[in-house]
Protein backbone atom coordinates (compact mmCIF):
# COMPACT_ATOMS: atom_id res chain seq x y z
CA UNK A 1 0.00 0.00 0.00
CA UNK A 2 1.45 3.34 -1.05
CA UNK A 3 1.64 6.05 1.59
CA UNK A 4 2.46 9.72 1.86
CA UNK A 5 4.68 10.19 4.91
CA UNK A 6 6.22 13.30 6.45
CA UNK A 7 9.08 13.72 8.91
CA UNK A 8 11.12 16.63 10.23
CA UNK A 9 14.37 14.70 9.70
CA UNK A 10 15.07 11.63 7.58
CA UNK A 11 18.32 9.67 7.80
CA UNK A 12 19.16 7.40 4.88
CA UNK A 13 21.57 4.59 5.80
CA UNK A 14 21.79 2.40 8.89
CA UNK A 15 25.54 2.14 9.46
CA UNK A 16 27.52 3.85 12.23
CA UNK A 17 26.84 7.40 11.02
CA UNK A 18 23.18 6.76 10.27
CA UNK A 19 22.56 5.21 13.67
CA UNK A 20 24.22 8.15 15.43
CA UNK A 21 22.38 10.75 13.33
CA UNK A 22 18.99 9.10 13.85
CA UNK A 23 19.58 8.68 17.58
CA UNK A 24 20.76 12.28 18.03
CA UNK A 25 17.80 13.73 16.15
CA UNK A 26 15.35 11.56 18.05
CA UNK A 27 16.88 12.46 21.43
CA UNK A 28 16.19 16.11 20.59
CA UNK A 29 12.48 15.29 20.32
CA UNK A 30 12.43 15.67 16.54
CA UNK A 31 10.12 13.48 14.44
CA UNK A 32 12.77 11.32 12.74
CA UNK A 33 12.83 8.44 10.26
CA UNK A 34 15.65 6.05 9.41
CA UNK A 35 15.47 4.46 5.94
CA UNK A 36 17.59 1.46 5.03
CA UNK A 37 17.59 -1.43 2.57
CA UNK A 38 17.17 -3.99 5.34
CA UNK A 39 16.26 -3.42 9.01
CA UNK A 40 18.20 -6.54 9.96
CA UNK A 41 21.51 -4.98 8.88
CA UNK A 42 21.16 -1.74 10.88
CA UNK A 43 24.31 -1.31 12.95
CA UNK A 44 26.21 -3.98 11.05
CA UNK A 45 29.95 -3.69 11.47
CA UNK A 46 32.55 -4.04 8.73
CA UNK A 47 34.85 -7.04 8.48
CA UNK A 48 37.07 -5.43 11.17
CA UNK A 49 34.82 -5.18 14.23
CA UNK A 50 37.08 -2.79 16.16
CA UNK A 51 35.88 0.34 17.90
CA UNK A 52 38.51 2.78 19.12
CA UNK A 53 42.23 2.63 18.55
CA UNK A 54 44.65 5.46 17.90
CA UNK A 55 42.79 7.30 15.12
CA UNK A 56 39.16 6.25 15.41
CA UNK A 57 39.34 6.26 19.22
CA UNK A 58 39.44 10.07 19.23
CA UNK A 59 36.27 10.18 17.13
CA UNK A 60 34.53 7.60 19.34
CA UNK A 61 35.32 9.68 22.44
CA UNK A 62 33.87 12.80 20.77
CA UNK A 63 30.71 10.89 19.83
CA UNK A 64 30.47 9.65 23.42
CA UNK A 65 30.87 13.18 24.80
CA UNK A 66 27.91 14.22 22.63
CA UNK A 67 25.75 11.42 24.12
CA UNK A 68 26.25 9.10 21.16
CA UNK A 69 25.44 5.40 21.21
CA UNK A 70 28.51 3.81 19.59
CA UNK A 71 30.62 3.65 22.76
CA UNK A 72 27.79 2.25 24.87
CA UNK A 73 26.97 -0.44 22.30
CA UNK A 74 30.67 -1.29 21.87
CA UNK A 75 31.05 -1.71 25.64
CA UNK A 76 28.07 -4.09 25.76
CA UNK A 77 29.21 -6.16 22.77
CA UNK A 78 32.96 -6.15 23.44
CA UNK A 79 34.84 -9.44 23.55
CA UNK A 80 38.34 -7.98 23.91
CA UNK A 81 39.45 -4.67 25.42
CA UNK A 82 43.01 -3.40 24.93
CA UNK A 83 45.03 -0.28 25.48
CA UNK A 84 47.25 0.16 22.41
CA UNK A 85 50.80 1.55 22.69
CA UNK A 86 50.87 0.78 26.41
CA UNK A 87 54.70 0.84 26.39
CA UNK A 88 54.77 4.41 25.06
CA UNK A 89 53.75 7.69 26.62
CA UNK A 90 50.15 8.57 27.57
CA UNK A 91 49.76 10.89 24.57
CA UNK A 92 49.89 8.01 22.08
CA UNK A 93 47.90 5.36 23.93
CA UNK A 94 44.53 4.37 22.57
CA UNK A 95 41.78 2.17 24.01
CA UNK A 96 40.24 -0.27 21.56
CA UNK A 97 37.58 -2.95 21.78
CA UNK A 98 36.91 -5.85 19.47
CA UNK A 99 33.17 -6.41 19.36
CA UNK A 100 31.11 -9.45 18.57
CA UNK A 101 29.58 -8.33 15.25
CA UNK A 102 26.19 -9.97 15.80
CA UNK A 103 25.92 -8.65 19.37
CA UNK A 104 26.89 -5.14 18.28
CA UNK A 105 24.19 -5.17 15.59
CA UNK A 106 21.62 -6.61 18.03
CA UNK A 107 22.34 -4.05 20.76
CA UNK A 108 22.36 -1.15 18.28
CA UNK A 109 19.00 -2.20 16.88
CA UNK A 110 17.56 -2.59 20.40
CA UNK A 111 18.81 0.87 21.30
CA UNK A 112 17.27 2.52 18.23
CA UNK A 113 13.84 0.88 18.42
CA UNK A 114 13.41 2.28 21.93
CA UNK A 115 13.59 5.93 20.80
CA UNK A 116 10.09 7.46 20.93
CA UNK A 117 10.48 9.84 18.00
CA UNK A 118 12.21 7.40 15.62
CA UNK A 119 10.49 5.39 12.89
CA UNK A 120 12.55 2.77 11.04
CA UNK A 121 11.76 1.60 7.50
CA UNK A 122 13.14 -1.12 5.21
CA UNK A 123 12.39 0.63 1.95
CA UNK A 124 15.19 1.71 -0.40
CA UNK A 125 15.12 5.25 -1.76
CA UNK A 126 14.84 5.36 -5.55
CA UNK A 127 14.36 9.05 -6.39
CA UNK A 128 14.85 12.38 -4.65
CA UNK A 129 12.26 15.15 -4.92
CA UNK A 130 13.52 18.73 -5.25
CA UNK A 131 11.59 21.94 -4.67
CA UNK A 132 13.36 25.20 -5.56
CA UNK A 133 16.71 23.37 -5.82
CA UNK A 134 16.38 21.89 -2.31
CA UNK A 135 15.58 18.32 -1.34
CA UNK A 136 12.03 18.17 -0.04
CA UNK A 137 11.59 14.41 -0.02
CA UNK A 138 11.95 11.18 -1.95
CA UNK A 139 10.21 8.18 -3.43
CA UNK A 140 10.88 4.64 -2.22
CA UNK A 141 10.96 1.29 -3.99
CA UNK A 142 7.61 0.41 -2.41
CA UNK A 143 6.07 3.51 -4.01
CA UNK A 144 5.87 5.61 -0.85
CA UNK A 145 6.34 9.36 -1.08
CA UNK A 146 8.22 10.79 1.89
CA UNK A 147 8.54 14.51 2.57
CA UNK A 148 11.02 15.96 5.03
CA UNK A 149 12.44 19.24 6.25
CA UNK A 150 16.01 17.89 6.50
CA UNK A 151 17.64 14.87 4.89
CA UNK A 152 20.86 13.26 6.11
CA UNK A 153 22.64 10.87 3.74
CA UNK A 154 24.83 8.32 5.51
CA UNK A 155 25.18 5.72 2.78
CA UNK A 156 28.80 4.80 3.53
CA UNK A 157 31.71 4.55 1.16
């Protein structure tokens, strides 16, 4: 059944960035939707299930300081926790966790479905709608028309 839907914010993509964007918008009380190809793959990690480390660890700590969910989910799904460069000075040490990929995905999905202002859809986007050179919505593969005030693309690399 085709529907016309409307949201203040729509996030397209259910990877790390999409999960954080949808969670942040929802925490602010904004009517938010997360669109993905498959609900079951929301929060799926890459082949290297590490969170933290020397480079990415800085980003994870910033996300955590802004009330993000990645660090919390990584803590719950972690199977190994290490401090890298332990033999060097404190400035170059970096905490890292290896997560169980299926647990990480499970805990991330559980976290997101509990947000009051967040609707999650398995319905790929097939066409964007522009009004006065600005995105005002999109059409999905199921024939739904979705309008939004803001659109966040987090479709990965």
